[in-house]
Amino acid sequence: RLTDDEVVERVRDAPLSQRQSLRSLAAATGIPKTTLLRYLNRSVICRKVSRVRLTLSAAHEMRRLSWALAHVGRHIGAKMFRVRHMYDTVHLDEKWFNLYKANAKYYLAKDEELPYRSCPNKRYIGKVMFLA
């Protein structure tokens, strides 16, 4: 039987890439999955979600706003705004795969910090496209 400190030490020694599911954490630490679940319920270890943070600057926000406003107009003398019909715009549907997830779940010890992850936008996560 392991003590709480031994479990915390084994979880800390496991790499972050193997702490995203109980099954991979059990393989990395050598502790059975059901035992890890018991320690999770007793709050010896905890589950946390790491989200990708946006790193937008004020210039990026202004460009986004100006693009949106370019598609809205009002005719002279009209009281209502009209959105452009966009019949001349083509939207492509392709199959893209992200290199990493926007939200990642990690199993950590109580006093451990989540890894900081950021990108300019969720759309700017590295991607791979497959063509058939």
C-alpha atoms as a PDB file:
ATOM      1  CA  ARG A   1       0.000   0.000   0.000  1.00  0.00           C
ATOM      2  CA  LEU A   2       1.353   3.423  -0.992  1.00  0.00           C
ATOM      3  CA  THR A   3       1.249   6.526   1.158  1.00  0.00           C
ATOM      4  CA  ASP A   4      -0.150   9.793  -0.152  1.00  0.00           C
ATOM      5  CA  ASP A   5       3.335  11.305  -0.440  1.00  0.00           C
ATOM      6  CA  GLU A   6       4.589   8.373  -2.532  1.00  0.00           C
ATOM      7  CA  VAL A   7       1.644   8.728  -4.917  1.00  0.00           C
ATOM      8  CA  VAL A   8       2.237  12.480  -5.276  1.00  0.00           C
ATOM      9  CA  GLU A   9       5.937  11.861  -5.945  1.00  0.00           C
ATOM     10  CA  ARG A  10       5.203   9.260  -8.636  1.00  0.00           C
ATOM     11  CA  VAL A  11       2.673  11.565 -10.311  1.00  0.00           C
ATOM     12  CA  ARG A  12       5.189  14.434 -10.318  1.00  0.00           C
ATOM     13  CA  ASP A  13       7.848  12.212 -11.893  1.00  0.00           C
ATOM     14  CA  ALA A  14       5.568  11.230 -14.790  1.00  0.00           C
ATOM     15  CA  PRO A  15       5.915  13.428 -17.907  1.00  0.00           C
ATOM     16  CA  LEU A  16       3.038  15.809 -18.668  1.00  0.00           C
ATOM     17  CA  SER A  17       2.269  14.063 -21.937  1.00  0.00           C
ATOM     18  CA  GLN A  18       1.419  10.899 -19.979  1.00  0.00           C
ATOM     19  CA  ARG A  19      -0.789  12.664 -17.427  1.00  0.00           C
ATOM     20  CA  GLN A  20      -3.737  13.409 -19.724  1.00  0.00           C
ATOM     21  CA  SER A  21      -5.752  10.271 -18.947  1.00  0.00           C
ATOM     22  CA  LEU A  22      -5.939   7.901 -16.009  1.00  0.00           C
ATOM     23  CA  ARG A  23      -4.900   4.989 -18.220  1.00  0.00           C
ATOM     24  CA  SER A  24      -1.688   6.657 -19.405  1.00  0.00           C
ATOM     25  CA  LEU A  25      -0.964   7.957 -15.890  1.00  0.00           C
ATOM     26  CA  ALA A  26      -1.358   4.424 -14.527  1.00  0.00           C
ATOM     27  CA  ALA A  27       1.113   3.117 -17.107  1.00  0.00           C
ATOM     28  CA  ALA A  28       3.632   5.888 -16.335  1.00  0.00           C
ATOM     29  CA  THR A  29       3.462   5.565 -12.540  1.00  0.00           C
ATOM     30  CA  GLY A  30       2.905   1.830 -12.151  1.00  0.00           C
ATOM     31  CA  ILE A  31      -0.158   2.464  -9.958  1.00  0.00           C
ATOM     32  CA  PRO A  32      -3.411   0.741 -11.029  1.00  0.00           C
ATOM     33  CA  LYS A  33      -6.081   2.937 -12.598  1.00  0.00           C
ATOM     34  CA  THR A  34      -8.670   2.132  -9.914  1.00  0.00           C
ATOM     35  CA  THR A  35      -6.195   3.069  -7.178  1.00  0.00           C
ATOM     36  CA  LEU A  36      -5.490   6.373  -8.920  1.00  0.00           C
ATOM     37  CA  LEU A  37      -9.242   6.968  -9.077  1.00  0.00           C
ATOM     38  CA  ARG A  38      -9.464   6.428  -5.317  1.00  0.00           C
ATOM     39  CA  TYR A  39      -6.666   8.954  -4.734  1.00  0.00           C
ATOM     40  CA  LEU A  40      -8.461  11.361  -7.080  1.00  0.00           C
ATOM     41  CA  ASN A  41     -11.675  11.030  -5.050  1.00  0.00           C
ATOM     42  CA  ARG A  42      -9.725  11.607  -1.827  1.00  0.00           C
ATOM     43  CA  SER A  43      -8.172  14.778  -3.360  1.00  0.00           C
ATOM     44  CA  VAL A  44      -4.588  13.543  -3.154  1.00  0.00           C
ATOM     45  CA  ILE A  45      -4.260  14.240  -6.873  1.00  0.00           C
ATOM     46  CA  CYS A  46      -6.536  16.503  -8.895  1.00  0.00           C
ATOM     47  CA  ARG A  47      -7.794  16.896 -12.459  1.00  0.00           C
ATOM     48  CA  LYS A  48      -7.367  20.310 -14.071  1.00  0.00           C
ATOM     49  CA  VAL A  49      -8.132  21.665 -17.540  1.00  0.00           C
ATOM     50  CA  SER A  50      -5.559  23.788 -19.352  1.00  0.00           C
ATOM     51  CA  ARG A  51      -7.047  26.098 -21.981  1.00  0.00           C
ATOM     52  CA  VAL A  52      -5.157  27.910 -24.691  1.00  0.00           C
ATOM     53  CA  ARG A  53      -4.968  31.597 -23.832  1.00  0.00           C
ATOM     54  CA  LEU A  54      -5.453  34.230 -26.510  1.00  0.00           C
ATOM     55  CA  THR A  55      -2.594  36.626 -27.147  1.00  0.00           C
ATOM     56  CA  LEU A  56      -4.487  39.276 -29.113  1.00  0.00           C
ATOM     57  CA  SER A  57      -3.106  42.782 -29.204  1.00  0.00           C
ATOM     58  CA  ALA A  58      -5.120  45.966 -29.623  1.00  0.00           C
ATOM     59  CA  ALA A  59      -4.054  46.126 -33.286  1.00  0.00           C
ATOM     60  CA  HIS A  60      -5.437  42.617 -33.888  1.00  0.00           C
ATOM     61  CA  GLU A  61      -8.744  43.565 -32.282  1.00  0.00           C
ATOM     62  CA  MET A  62      -9.018  46.681 -34.461  1.00  0.00           C
ATOM     63  CA  ARG A  63      -8.338  44.651 -37.633  1.00  0.00           C
ATOM     64  CA  ARG A  64     -11.061  42.162 -36.658  1.00  0.00           C
ATOM     65  CA  LEU A  65     -13.543  44.956 -35.989  1.00  0.00           C
ATOM     66  CA  SER A  66     -12.750  46.760 -39.244  1.00  0.00           C
ATOM     67  CA  TRP A  67     -13.195  43.503 -41.228  1.00  0.00           C
ATOM     68  CA  ALA A  68     -16.617  42.944 -39.642  1.00  0.00           C
ATOM     69  CA  LEU A  69     -17.674  46.554 -40.229  1.00  0.00           C
ATOM     70  CA  ALA A  70     -16.616  46.303 -43.882  1.00  0.00           C
ATOM     71  CA  HIS A  71     -19.432  43.775 -44.389  1.00  0.00           C
ATOM     72  CA  VAL A  72     -22.111  46.023 -42.874  1.00  0.00           C
ATOM     73  CA  GLY A  73     -23.500  49.053 -44.654  1.00  0.00           C
ATOM     74  CA  ARG A  74     -26.381  51.524 -44.712  1.00  0.00           C
ATOM     75  CA  HIS A  75     -27.854  53.088 -47.814  1.00  0.00           C
ATOM     76  CA  ILE A  76     -28.367  56.848 -47.913  1.00  0.00           C
ATOM     77  CA  GLY A  77     -31.616  57.747 -46.166  1.00  0.00           C
ATOM     78  CA  ALA A  78     -32.145  54.229 -44.789  1.00  0.00           C
ATOM     79  CA  LYS A  79     -32.757  53.708 -41.083  1.00  0.00           C
ATOM     80  CA  MET A  80     -31.549  50.093 -40.874  1.00  0.00           C
ATOM     81  CA  PHE A  81     -28.108  48.588 -41.371  1.00  0.00           C
ATOM     82  CA  ARG A  82     -27.762  45.802 -43.948  1.00  0.00           C
ATOM     83  CA  VAL A  83     -25.269  42.974 -43.979  1.00  0.00           C
ATOM     84  CA  ARG A  84     -23.555  42.394 -47.311  1.00  0.00           C
ATOM     85  CA  HIS A  85     -24.971  39.343 -49.159  1.00  0.00           C
ATOM     86  CA  MET A  86     -21.517  37.729 -49.641  1.00  0.00           C
ATOM     87  CA  TYR A  87     -22.622  35.849 -52.780  1.00  0.00           C
ATOM     88  CA  ASP A  88     -19.161  36.469 -54.232  1.00  0.00           C
ATOM     89  CA  THR A  89     -17.383  34.881 -51.244  1.00  0.00           C
ATOM     90  CA  VAL A  90     -16.215  31.260 -51.362  1.00  0.00           C
ATOM     91  CA  HIS A  91     -15.872  29.199 -48.179  1.00  0.00           C
ATOM     92  CA  LEU A  92     -13.783  26.041 -48.607  1.00  0.00           C
ATOM     93  CA  ASP A  93     -14.515  22.892 -46.634  1.00  0.00           C
ATOM     94  CA  GLU A  94     -11.350  20.894 -46.041  1.00  0.00           C
ATOM     95  CA  LYS A  95     -10.296  18.348 -43.443  1.00  0.00           C
ATOM     96  CA  TRP A  96      -7.780  19.829 -41.033  1.00  0.00           C
ATOM     97  CA  PHE A  97      -6.249  18.226 -37.955  1.00  0.00           C
ATOM     98  CA  ASN A  98      -4.841  20.289 -35.080  1.00  0.00           C
ATOM     99  CA  LEU A  99      -1.383  19.442 -33.762  1.00  0.00           C
ATOM    100  CA  TYR A 100      -2.621  19.870 -30.184  1.00  0.00           C
ATOM    101  CA  LYS A 101      -5.950  20.384 -28.467  1.00  0.00           C
ATOM    102  CA  ALA A 102      -7.268  23.767 -27.402  1.00  0.00           C
ATOM    103  CA  ASN A 103      -8.386  22.280 -24.066  1.00  0.00           C
ATOM    104  CA  ALA A 104      -6.180  19.663 -22.419  1.00  0.00           C
ATOM    105  CA  LYS A 105      -6.935  17.763 -19.209  1.00  0.00           C
ATOM    106  CA  TYR A 106      -4.042  17.022 -16.827  1.00  0.00           C
ATOM    107  CA  TYR A 107      -3.806  15.049 -13.595  1.00  0.00           C
ATOM    108  CA  LEU A 108      -1.584  16.974 -11.188  1.00  0.00           C
ATOM    109  CA  ALA A 109      -0.555  16.982  -7.563  1.00  0.00           C
ATOM    110  CA  LYS A 110      -2.375  19.537  -5.407  1.00  0.00           C
ATOM    111  CA  ASP A 111       0.416  22.124  -5.362  1.00  0.00           C
ATOM    112  CA  GLU A 112       1.413  21.804  -9.040  1.00  0.00           C
ATOM    113  CA  GLU A 113       0.682  24.556 -11.551  1.00  0.00           C
ATOM    114  CA  LEU A 114      -0.907  24.035 -14.939  1.00  0.00           C
ATOM    115  CA  PRO A 115       1.385  24.478 -17.945  1.00  0.00           C
ATOM    116  CA  TYR A 116       0.911  27.886 -19.588  1.00  0.00           C
ATOM    117  CA  ARG A 117      -0.104  27.578 -23.228  1.00  0.00           C
ATOM    118  CA  SER A 118      -0.891  30.482 -25.534  1.00  0.00           C
ATOM    119  CA  CYS A 119      -1.393  31.261 -29.195  1.00  0.00           C
ATOM    120  CA  PRO A 120      -2.794  34.302 -31.048  1.00  0.00           C
ATOM    121  CA  ASN A 121      -6.095  32.541 -31.701  1.00  0.00           C
ATOM    122  CA  LYS A 122      -7.512  29.022 -31.538  1.00  0.00           C
ATOM    123  CA  ARG A 123      -7.446  29.064 -35.332  1.00  0.00           C
ATOM    124  CA  TYR A 124      -3.666  29.571 -35.272  1.00  0.00           C
ATOM    125  CA  ILE A 125      -2.903  26.235 -33.627  1.00  0.00           C
ATOM    126  CA  GLY A 126      -0.549  24.335 -35.912  1.00  0.00           C
ATOM    127  CA  LYS A 127      -2.519  22.241 -38.385  1.00  0.00           C
ATOM    128  CA  VAL A 128      -2.087  19.450 -40.880  1.00  0.00           C
ATOM    129  CA  MET A 129      -4.345  19.024 -43.916  1.00  0.00           C
ATOM    130  CA  PHE A 130      -4.917  15.757 -45.778  1.00  0.00           C
ATOM    131  CA  LEU A 131      -5.891  15.745 -49.430  1.00  0.00           C
ATOM    132  CA  ALA A 132      -7.286  12.639 -51.099  1.00  0.00           C
END
